[in-house]
């Protein structure tokens, strides 16, 4: 058997095995695998968040920690009503 035919048969077999495994998962569980962090309820229950969400929250917190309005709490300030 030629080497390219062997490689073709092995790759076809691996692809077939993957398709069968995904089909069995769908048939047994009744739904597709949910690998997205934002929509997976089990990951959210454990407190796992994605890196983009963490970065956005850190940027929001850094913006709210400015010292423009020291007399008002950071969560409530708009800094358009500052008196100083």
PDB file of N, CA and C in Angstrom:
ATOM      1  N   UNK A   1       0.854  -1.166   0.000  1.00  0.00           N
ATOM      2  CA  UNK A   1       0.000   0.000   0.000  1.00  0.00           C
ATOM      3  C   UNK A   1       0.907   1.238   0.000  1.00  0.00           C
ATOM      4  N   UNK A   2       0.554   2.196  -0.786  1.00  0.00           N
ATOM      5  CA  UNK A   2       1.376   3.407  -0.898  1.00  0.00           C
ATOM      6  C   UNK A   2       1.189   4.294   0.339  1.00  0.00           C
ATOM      7  N   UNK A   3       2.208   5.099   0.677  1.00  0.00           N
ATOM      8  CA  UNK A   3       2.120   5.947   1.878  1.00  0.00           C
ATOM      9  C   UNK A   3       0.978   6.965   1.829  1.00  0.00           C
ATOM     10  N   UNK A   4       0.698   7.532   0.670  1.00  0.00           N
ATOM     11  CA  UNK A   4      -0.370   8.532   0.610  1.00  0.00           C
ATOM     12  C   UNK A   4      -1.733   7.897   0.814  1.00  0.00           C
ATOM     13  N   UNK A   5      -1.898   6.641   0.383  1.00  0.00           N
ATOM     14  CA  UNK A   5      -3.166   5.939   0.592  1.00  0.00           C
ATOM     15  C   UNK A   5      -3.346   5.610   2.072  1.00  0.00           C
ATOM     16  N   UNK A   6      -2.274   5.253   2.744  1.00  0.00           N
ATOM     17  CA  UNK A   6      -2.334   4.967   4.181  1.00  0.00           C
ATOM     18  C   UNK A   6      -2.718   6.220   4.958  1.00  0.00           C
ATOM     19  N   UNK A   7      -2.110   7.329   4.616  1.00  0.00           N
ATOM     20  CA  UNK A   7      -2.425   8.597   5.288  1.00  0.00           C
ATOM     21  C   UNK A   7      -3.871   8.992   5.028  1.00  0.00           C
ATOM     22  N   UNK A   8      -4.331   8.814   3.813  1.00  0.00           N
ATOM     23  CA  UNK A   8      -5.715   9.132   3.464  1.00  0.00           C
ATOM     24  C   UNK A   8      -6.690   8.259   4.246  1.00  0.00           C
ATOM     25  N   UNK A   9      -6.402   6.977   4.374  1.00  0.00           N
ATOM     26  CA  UNK A   9      -7.289   6.074   5.122  1.00  0.00           C
ATOM     27  C   UNK A   9      -7.305   6.417   6.605  1.00  0.00           C
ATOM     28  N   UNK A  10      -6.143   6.707   7.192  1.00  0.00           N
ATOM     29  CA  UNK A  10      -6.100   7.074   8.600  1.00  0.00           C
ATOM     30  C   UNK A  10      -6.835   8.383   8.863  1.00  0.00           C
ATOM     31  N   UNK A  11      -6.656   9.368   8.012  1.00  0.00           N
ATOM     32  CA  UNK A  11      -7.338  10.651   8.214  1.00  0.00           C
ATOM     33  C   UNK A  11      -8.849  10.510   8.027  1.00  0.00           C
ATOM     34  N   UNK A  12      -9.274   9.703   7.079  1.00  0.00           N
ATOM     35  CA  UNK A  12     -10.701   9.451   6.886  1.00  0.00           C
ATOM     36  C   UNK A  12     -11.282   8.719   8.088  1.00  0.00           C
ATOM     37  N   UNK A  13     -10.539   7.763   8.617  1.00  0.00           N
ATOM     38  CA  UNK A  13     -10.984   7.036   9.803  1.00  0.00           C
ATOM     39  C   UNK A  13     -11.096   7.938  11.021  1.00  0.00           C
ATOM     40  N   UNK A  14     -10.121   8.835  11.200  1.00  0.00           N
ATOM     41  CA  UNK A  14     -10.171   9.765  12.324  1.00  0.00           C
ATOM     42  C   UNK A  14     -11.363  10.713  12.197  1.00  0.00           C
ATOM     43  N   UNK A  15     -11.618  11.186  11.005  1.00  0.00           N
ATOM     44  CA  UNK A  15     -12.757  12.058  10.772  1.00  0.00           C
ATOM     45  C   UNK A  15     -14.073  11.325  11.029  1.00  0.00           C
ATOM     46  N   UNK A  16     -14.166  10.093  10.596  1.00  0.00           N
ATOM     47  CA  UNK A  16     -15.357   9.281  10.826  1.00  0.00           C
ATOM     48  C   UNK A  16     -15.575   9.047  12.315  1.00  0.00           C
ATOM     49  N   UNK A  17     -14.495   8.768  13.046  1.00  0.00           N
ATOM     50  CA  UNK A  17     -14.593   8.563  14.489  1.00  0.00           C
ATOM     51  C   UNK A  17     -15.094   9.831  15.180  1.00  0.00           C
ATOM     52  N   UNK A  18     -14.607  10.990  14.766  1.00  0.00           N
ATOM     53  CA  UNK A  18     -15.056  12.264  15.332  1.00  0.00           C
ATOM     54  C   UNK A  18     -16.540  12.490  15.065  1.00  0.00           C
ATOM     55  N   UNK A  19     -16.992  12.234  13.858  1.00  0.00           N
ATOM     56  CA  UNK A  19     -18.400  12.438  13.507  1.00  0.00           C
ATOM     57  C   UNK A  19     -19.295  11.501  14.317  1.00  0.00           C
ATOM     58  N   UNK A  20     -18.880  10.256  14.460  1.00  0.00           N
ATOM     59  CA  UNK A  20     -19.666   9.299  15.239  1.00  0.00           C
ATOM     60  C   UNK A  20     -19.731   9.722  16.702  1.00  0.00           C
ATOM     61  N   UNK A  21     -18.604  10.167  17.262  1.00  0.00           N
ATOM     62  CA  UNK A  21     -18.587  10.595  18.661  1.00  0.00           C
ATOM     63  C   UNK A  21     -19.495  11.800  18.887  1.00  0.00           C
ATOM     64  N   UNK A  22     -19.464  12.771  17.987  1.00  0.00           N
ATOM     65  CA  UNK A  22     -20.334  13.935  18.127  1.00  0.00           C
ATOM     66  C   UNK A  22     -21.804  13.562  17.967  1.00  0.00           C
ATOM     67  N   UNK A  23     -22.083  12.630  17.069  1.00  0.00           N
ATOM     68  CA  UNK A  23     -23.464  12.187  16.882  1.00  0.00           C
ATOM     69  C   UNK A  23     -23.972  11.463  18.118  1.00  0.00           C
ATOM     70  N   UNK A  24     -23.129  10.621  18.716  1.00  0.00           N
ATOM     71  CA  UNK A  24     -23.537   9.922  19.929  1.00  0.00           C
ATOM     72  C   UNK A  24     -23.772  10.898  21.072  1.00  0.00           C
ATOM     73  N   UNK A  25     -22.939  11.898  21.187  1.00  0.00           N
ATOM     74  CA  UNK A  25     -23.130  12.911  22.225  1.00  0.00           C
ATOM     75  C   UNK A  25     -24.461  13.626  22.026  1.00  0.00           C
ATOM     76  N   UNK A  26     -24.764  13.969  20.808  1.00  0.00           N
ATOM     77  CA  UNK A  26     -26.027  14.648  20.517  1.00  0.00           C
ATOM     78  C   UNK A  26     -27.215  13.733  20.813  1.00  0.00           C
ATOM     79  N   UNK A  27     -27.115  12.458  20.456  1.00  0.00           N
ATOM     80  CA  UNK A  27     -28.225  11.534  20.699  1.00  0.00           C
ATOM     81  C   UNK A  27     -28.413  11.245  22.181  1.00  0.00           C
ATOM     82  N   UNK A  28     -27.328  11.096  22.923  1.00  0.00           N
ATOM     83  CA  UNK A  28     -27.435  10.744  24.337  1.00  0.00           C
ATOM     84  C   UNK A  28     -27.871  11.941  25.175  1.00  0.00           C
ATOM     85  N   UNK A  29     -27.218  13.091  24.987  1.00  0.00           N
ATOM     86  CA  UNK A  29     -27.538  14.273  25.782  1.00  0.00           C
ATOM     87  C   UNK A  29     -28.754  15.018  25.270  1.00  0.00           C
ATOM     88  N   UNK A  30     -29.025  14.947  24.001  1.00  0.00           N
ATOM     89  CA  UNK A  30     -30.163  15.631  23.431  1.00  0.00           C
ATOM     90  C   UNK A  30     -29.885  17.065  23.031  1.00  0.00           C
ATOM     91  N   UNK A  31     -28.631  17.513  23.159  1.00  0.00           N
ATOM     92  CA  UNK A  31     -28.265  18.869  22.753  1.00  0.00           C
ATOM     93  C   UNK A  31     -26.793  18.886  22.398  1.00  0.00           C
ATOM     94  N   UNK A  32     -26.380  19.937  21.698  1.00  0.00           N
ATOM     95  CA  UNK A  32     -24.978  20.077  21.326  1.00  0.00           C
ATOM     96  C   UNK A  32     -24.147  20.436  22.555  1.00  0.00           C
ATOM     97  N   UNK A  33     -22.861  20.199  22.500  1.00  0.00           N
ATOM     98  CA  UNK A  33     -21.964  20.557  23.579  1.00  0.00           C
ATOM     99  C   UNK A  33     -21.862  22.079  23.649  1.00  0.00           C
ATOM    100  N   UNK A  34     -22.057  22.629  24.844  1.00  0.00           N
ATOM    101  CA  UNK A  34     -22.013  24.072  25.035  1.00  0.00           C
ATOM    102  C   UNK A  34     -20.660  24.449  25.606  1.00  0.00           C
ATOM    103  N   UNK A  35     -19.745  24.823  24.741  1.00  0.00           N
ATOM    104  CA  UNK A  35     -18.399  25.162  25.173  1.00  0.00           C
ATOM    105  C   UNK A  35     -18.164  26.639  25.368  1.00  0.00           C
ATOM    106  N   UNK A  36     -19.153  27.464  25.082  1.00  0.00           N
ATOM    107  CA  UNK A  36     -19.005  28.901  25.254  1.00  0.00           C
ATOM    108  C   UNK A  36     -19.152  29.261  26.726  1.00  0.00           C
ATOM    109  N   UNK A  37     -18.221  30.030  27.237  1.00  0.00           N
ATOM    110  CA  UNK A  37     -18.240  30.391  28.646  1.00  0.00           C
ATOM    111  C   UNK A  37     -19.455  31.251  28.964  1.00  0.00           C
ATOM    112  N   UNK A  38     -19.815  32.138  28.080  1.00  0.00           N
ATOM    113  CA  UNK A  38     -20.900  33.077  28.377  1.00  0.00           C
ATOM    114  C   UNK A  38     -22.276  32.414  28.411  1.00  0.00           C
ATOM    115  N   UNK A  39     -22.451  31.277  27.758  1.00  0.00           N
ATOM    116  CA  UNK A  39     -23.767  30.638  27.730  1.00  0.00           C
ATOM    117  C   UNK A  39     -23.829  29.337  28.509  1.00  0.00           C
ATOM    118  N   UNK A  40     -22.711  28.859  29.045  1.00  0.00           N
ATOM    119  CA  UNK A  40     -22.691  27.600  29.771  1.00  0.00           C
ATOM    120  C   UNK A  40     -23.045  27.856  31.232  1.00  0.00           C
ATOM    121  N   UNK A  41     -24.189  27.329  31.674  1.00  0.00           N
ATOM    122  CA  UNK A  41     -24.668  27.611  33.028  1.00  0.00           C
ATOM    123  C   UNK A  41     -23.786  26.980  34.094  1.00  0.00           C
ATOM    124  N   UNK A  42     -23.146  25.853  33.795  1.00  0.00           N
ATOM    125  CA  UNK A  42     -22.284  25.201  34.771  1.00  0.00           C
ATOM    126  C   UNK A  42     -21.021  26.030  35.028  1.00  0.00           C
ATOM    127  N   UNK A  43     -20.469  26.633  33.983  1.00  0.00           N
ATOM    128  CA  UNK A  43     -19.295  27.486  34.155  1.00  0.00           C
ATOM    129  C   UNK A  43     -19.659  28.759  34.911  1.00  0.00           C
ATOM    130  N   UNK A  44     -20.818  29.327  34.603  1.00  0.00           N
ATOM    131  CA  UNK A  44     -21.249  30.535  35.309  1.00  0.00           C
ATOM    132  C   UNK A  44     -21.502  30.238  36.780  1.00  0.00           C
ATOM    133  N   UNK A  45     -22.036  29.051  37.094  1.00  0.00           N
ATOM    134  CA  UNK A  45     -22.288  28.680  38.489  1.00  0.00           C
ATOM    135  C   UNK A  45     -20.985  28.562  39.274  1.00  0.00           C
ATOM    136  N   UNK A  46     -19.908  28.187  38.598  1.00  0.00           N
ATOM    137  CA  UNK A  46     -18.611  28.067  39.263  1.00  0.00           C
ATOM    138  C   UNK A  46     -17.857  29.401  39.299  1.00  0.00           C
ATOM    139  N   UNK A  47     -18.423  30.435  38.688  1.00  0.00           N
ATOM    140  CA  UNK A  47     -17.785  31.739  38.706  1.00  0.00           C
ATOM    141  C   UNK A  47     -16.730  31.922  37.629  1.00  0.00           C
ATOM    142  N   UNK A  48     -16.737  31.075  36.614  1.00  0.00           N
ATOM    143  CA  UNK A  48     -15.760  31.174  35.533  1.00  0.00           C
ATOM    144  C   UNK A  48     -16.249  32.217  34.540  1.00  0.00           C
ATOM    145  N   UNK A  49     -15.396  33.165  34.217  1.00  0.00           N
ATOM    146  CA  UNK A  49     -15.735  34.188  33.236  1.00  0.00           C
ATOM    147  C   UNK A  49     -14.658  34.227  32.167  1.00  0.00           C
ATOM    148  N   UNK A  50     -14.992  34.788  31.032  1.00  0.00           N
ATOM    149  CA  UNK A  50     -14.021  34.837  29.943  1.00  0.00           C
ATOM    150  C   UNK A  50     -13.060  36.009  30.145  1.00  0.00           C
ATOM    151  N   UNK A  51     -11.940  35.948  29.482  1.00  0.00           N
ATOM    152  CA  UNK A  51     -10.893  36.957  29.639  1.00  0.00           C
ATOM    153  C   UNK A  51     -11.363  38.331  29.166  1.00  0.00           C
ATOM    154  N   UNK A  52     -12.170  38.373  28.130  1.00  0.00           N
ATOM    155  CA  UNK A  52     -12.671  39.650  27.621  1.00  0.00           C
ATOM    156  C   UNK A  52     -13.555  40.320  28.672  1.00  0.00           C
ATOM    157  N   UNK A  53     -14.402  39.537  29.316  1.00  0.00           N
ATOM    158  CA  UNK A  53     -15.275  40.074  30.365  1.00  0.00           C
ATOM    159  C   UNK A  53     -14.438  40.601  31.517  1.00  0.00           C
ATOM    160  N   UNK A  54     -13.408  39.866  31.924  1.00  0.00           N
ATOM    161  CA  UNK A  54     -12.546  40.311  33.018  1.00  0.00           C
ATOM    162  C   UNK A  54     -11.835  41.612  32.670  1.00  0.00           C
ATOM    163  N   UNK A  55     -11.340  41.725  31.444  1.00  0.00           N
ATOM    164  CA  UNK A  55     -10.643  42.935  31.015  1.00  0.00           C
ATOM    165  C   UNK A  55     -11.590  44.130  30.973  1.00  0.00           C
ATOM    166  N   UNK A  56     -12.792  43.923  30.455  1.00  0.00           N
ATOM    167  CA  UNK A  56     -13.761  45.014  30.404  1.00  0.00           C
ATOM    168  C   UNK A  56     -14.150  45.471  31.806  1.00  0.00           C
ATOM    169  N   UNK A  57     -14.313  44.530  32.745  1.00  0.00           N
ATOM    170  CA  UNK A  57     -14.659  44.887  34.120  1.00  0.00           C
ATOM    171  C   UNK A  57     -13.511  45.640  34.781  1.00  0.00           C
ATOM    172  N   UNK A  58     -12.274  45.230  34.527  1.00  0.00           N
ATOM    173  CA  UNK A  58     -11.125  45.926  35.089  1.00  0.00           C
ATOM    174  C   UNK A  58     -11.017  47.344  34.527  1.00  0.00           C
ATOM    175  N   UNK A  59     -11.281  47.509  33.244  1.00  0.00           N
ATOM    176  CA  UNK A  59     -11.246  48.846  32.637  1.00  0.00           C
ATOM    177  C   UNK A  59     -12.342  49.737  33.200  1.00  0.00           C
ATOM    178  N   UNK A  60     -13.531  49.176  33.414  1.00  0.00           N
ATOM    179  CA  UNK A  60     -14.627  49.945  34.009  1.00  0.00           C
ATOM    180  C   UNK A  60     -14.279  50.371  35.427  1.00  0.00           C
ATOM    181  N   UNK A  61     -13.698  49.448  36.205  1.00  0.00           N
ATOM    182  CA  UNK A  61     -13.327  49.774  37.578  1.00  0.00           C
ATOM    183  C   UNK A  61     -12.233  50.842  37.613  1.00  0.00           C
ATOM    184  N   UNK A  62     -11.284  50.750  36.705  1.00  0.00           N
ATOM    185  CA  UNK A  62     -10.213  51.748  36.656  1.00  0.00           C
ATOM    186  C   UNK A  62     -10.767  53.119  36.286  1.00  0.00           C
ATOM    187  N   UNK A  63     -11.745  53.168  35.391  1.00  0.00           N
ATOM    188  CA  UNK A  63     -12.346  54.443  34.999  1.00  0.00           C
ATOM    189  C   UNK A  63     -13.168  55.031  36.142  1.00  0.00           C
ATOM    190  N   UNK A  64     -13.808  54.175  36.923  1.00  0.00           N
ATOM    191  CA  UNK A  64     -14.636  54.646  38.036  1.00  0.00           C
ATOM    192  C   UNK A  64     -13.802  55.055  39.242  1.00  0.00           C
ATOM    193  N   UNK A  65     -12.533  54.735  39.296  1.00  0.00           N
ATOM    194  CA  UNK A  65     -11.680  55.025  40.443  1.00  0.00           C
ATOM    195  C   UNK A  65     -10.954  56.353  40.290  1.00  0.00           C
ATOM    196  N   UNK A  66     -11.340  57.155  39.320  1.00  0.00           N
ATOM    197  CA  UNK A  66     -10.663  58.442  39.147  1.00  0.00           C
ATOM    198  C   UNK A  66     -10.974  59.350  40.331  1.00  0.00           C
ATOM    199  N   UNK A  67     -10.122  60.322  40.555  1.00  0.00           N
ATOM    200  CA  UNK A  67     -10.272  61.201  41.720  1.00  0.00           C
ATOM    201  C   UNK A  67     -10.920  62.531  41.346  1.00  0.00           C
ATOM    202  N   UNK A  68     -11.694  62.563  40.278  1.00  0.00           N
ATOM    203  CA  UNK A  68     -12.341  63.810  39.864  1.00  0.00           C
ATOM    204  C   UNK A  68     -13.421  64.249  40.846  1.00  0.00           C
ATOM    205  N   UNK A  69     -14.145  63.298  41.410  1.00  0.00           N
ATOM    206  CA  UNK A  69     -15.253  63.601  42.309  1.00  0.00           C
ATOM    207  C   UNK A  69     -15.057  62.844  43.614  1.00  0.00           C
ATOM    208  N   UNK A  70     -14.196  63.260  44.490  1.00  0.00           N
ATOM    209  CA  UNK A  70     -13.928  62.477  45.695  1.00  0.00           C
ATOM    210  C   UNK A  70     -15.084  62.461  46.687  1.00  0.00           C
ATOM    211  N   UNK A  71     -16.034  63.416  46.598  1.00  0.00           N
ATOM    212  CA  UNK A  71     -17.112  63.453  47.583  1.00  0.00           C
ATOM    213  C   UNK A  71     -18.256  62.484  47.249  1.00  0.00           C
ATOM    214  N   UNK A  72     -18.316  61.940  46.052  1.00  0.00           N
ATOM    215  CA  UNK A  72     -19.386  61.005  45.691  1.00  0.00           C
ATOM    216  C   UNK A  72     -18.798  59.618  45.458  1.00  0.00           C
ATOM    217  N   UNK A  73     -19.566  58.598  45.769  1.00  0.00           N
ATOM    218  CA  UNK A  73     -19.072  57.237  45.514  1.00  0.00           C
ATOM    219  C   UNK A  73     -18.855  57.002  44.020  1.00  0.00           C
ATOM    220  N   UNK A  74     -17.912  56.142  43.704  1.00  0.00           N
ATOM    221  CA  UNK A  74     -17.544  55.915  42.301  1.00  0.00           C
ATOM    222  C   UNK A  74     -18.700  55.362  41.479  1.00  0.00           C
ATOM    223  N   UNK A  75     -19.541  54.528  42.069  1.00  0.00           N
ATOM    224  CA  UNK A  75     -20.620  53.911  41.306  1.00  0.00           C
ATOM    225  C   UNK A  75     -21.711  54.917  40.957  1.00  0.00           C
ATOM    226  N   UNK A  76     -21.837  55.996  41.759  1.00  0.00           N
ATOM    227  CA  UNK A  76     -22.931  56.933  41.548  1.00  0.00           C
ATOM    228  C   UNK A  76     -22.516  58.184  40.773  1.00  0.00           C
ATOM    229  N   UNK A  77     -21.238  58.405  40.572  1.00  0.00           N
ATOM    230  CA  UNK A  77     -20.810  59.680  40.014  1.00  0.00           C
ATOM    231  C   UNK A  77     -20.949  59.732  38.497  1.00  0.00           C
ATOM    232  N   UNK A  78     -21.231  60.893  38.038  1.00  0.00           N
ATOM    233  CA  UNK A  78     -21.211  61.139  36.610  1.00  0.00           C
ATOM    234  C   UNK A  78     -20.141  62.159  36.283  1.00  0.00           C
ATOM    235  N   UNK A  79     -19.630  62.832  37.303  1.00  0.00           N
ATOM    236  CA  UNK A  79     -18.579  63.850  37.219  1.00  0.00           C
ATOM    237  C   UNK A  79     -18.994  65.043  36.391  1.00  0.00           C
ATOM    238  N   UNK A  80     -20.247  65.155  36.050  1.00  0.00           N
ATOM    239  CA  UNK A  80     -20.715  66.386  35.407  1.00  0.00           C
ATOM    240  C   UNK A  80     -21.306  67.308  36.459  1.00  0.00           C
ATOM    241  N   UNK A  81     -21.546  66.777  37.666  1.00  0.00           N
ATOM    242  CA  UNK A  81     -22.122  67.577  38.727  1.00  0.00           C
ATOM    243  C   UNK A  81     -21.111  67.895  39.817  1.00  0.00           C
ATOM    244  N   UNK A  82     -19.836  67.709  39.561  1.00  0.00           N
ATOM    245  CA  UNK A  82     -18.807  67.973  40.571  1.00  0.00           C
ATOM    246  C   UNK A  82     -18.756  69.461  40.870  1.00  0.00           C
ATOM    247  N   UNK A  83     -18.532  69.767  42.145  1.00  0.00           N
ATOM    248  CA  UNK A  83     -18.445  71.175  42.534  1.00  0.00           C
ATOM    249  C   UNK A  83     -17.020  71.661  42.598  1.00  0.00           C
ATOM    250  N   UNK A  84     -16.046  70.795  42.587  1.00  0.00           N
ATOM    251  CA  UNK A  84     -14.660  71.241  42.678  1.00  0.00           C
ATOM    252  C   UNK A  84     -13.916  71.106  41.395  1.00  0.00           C
TER     253      UNK A  84
END
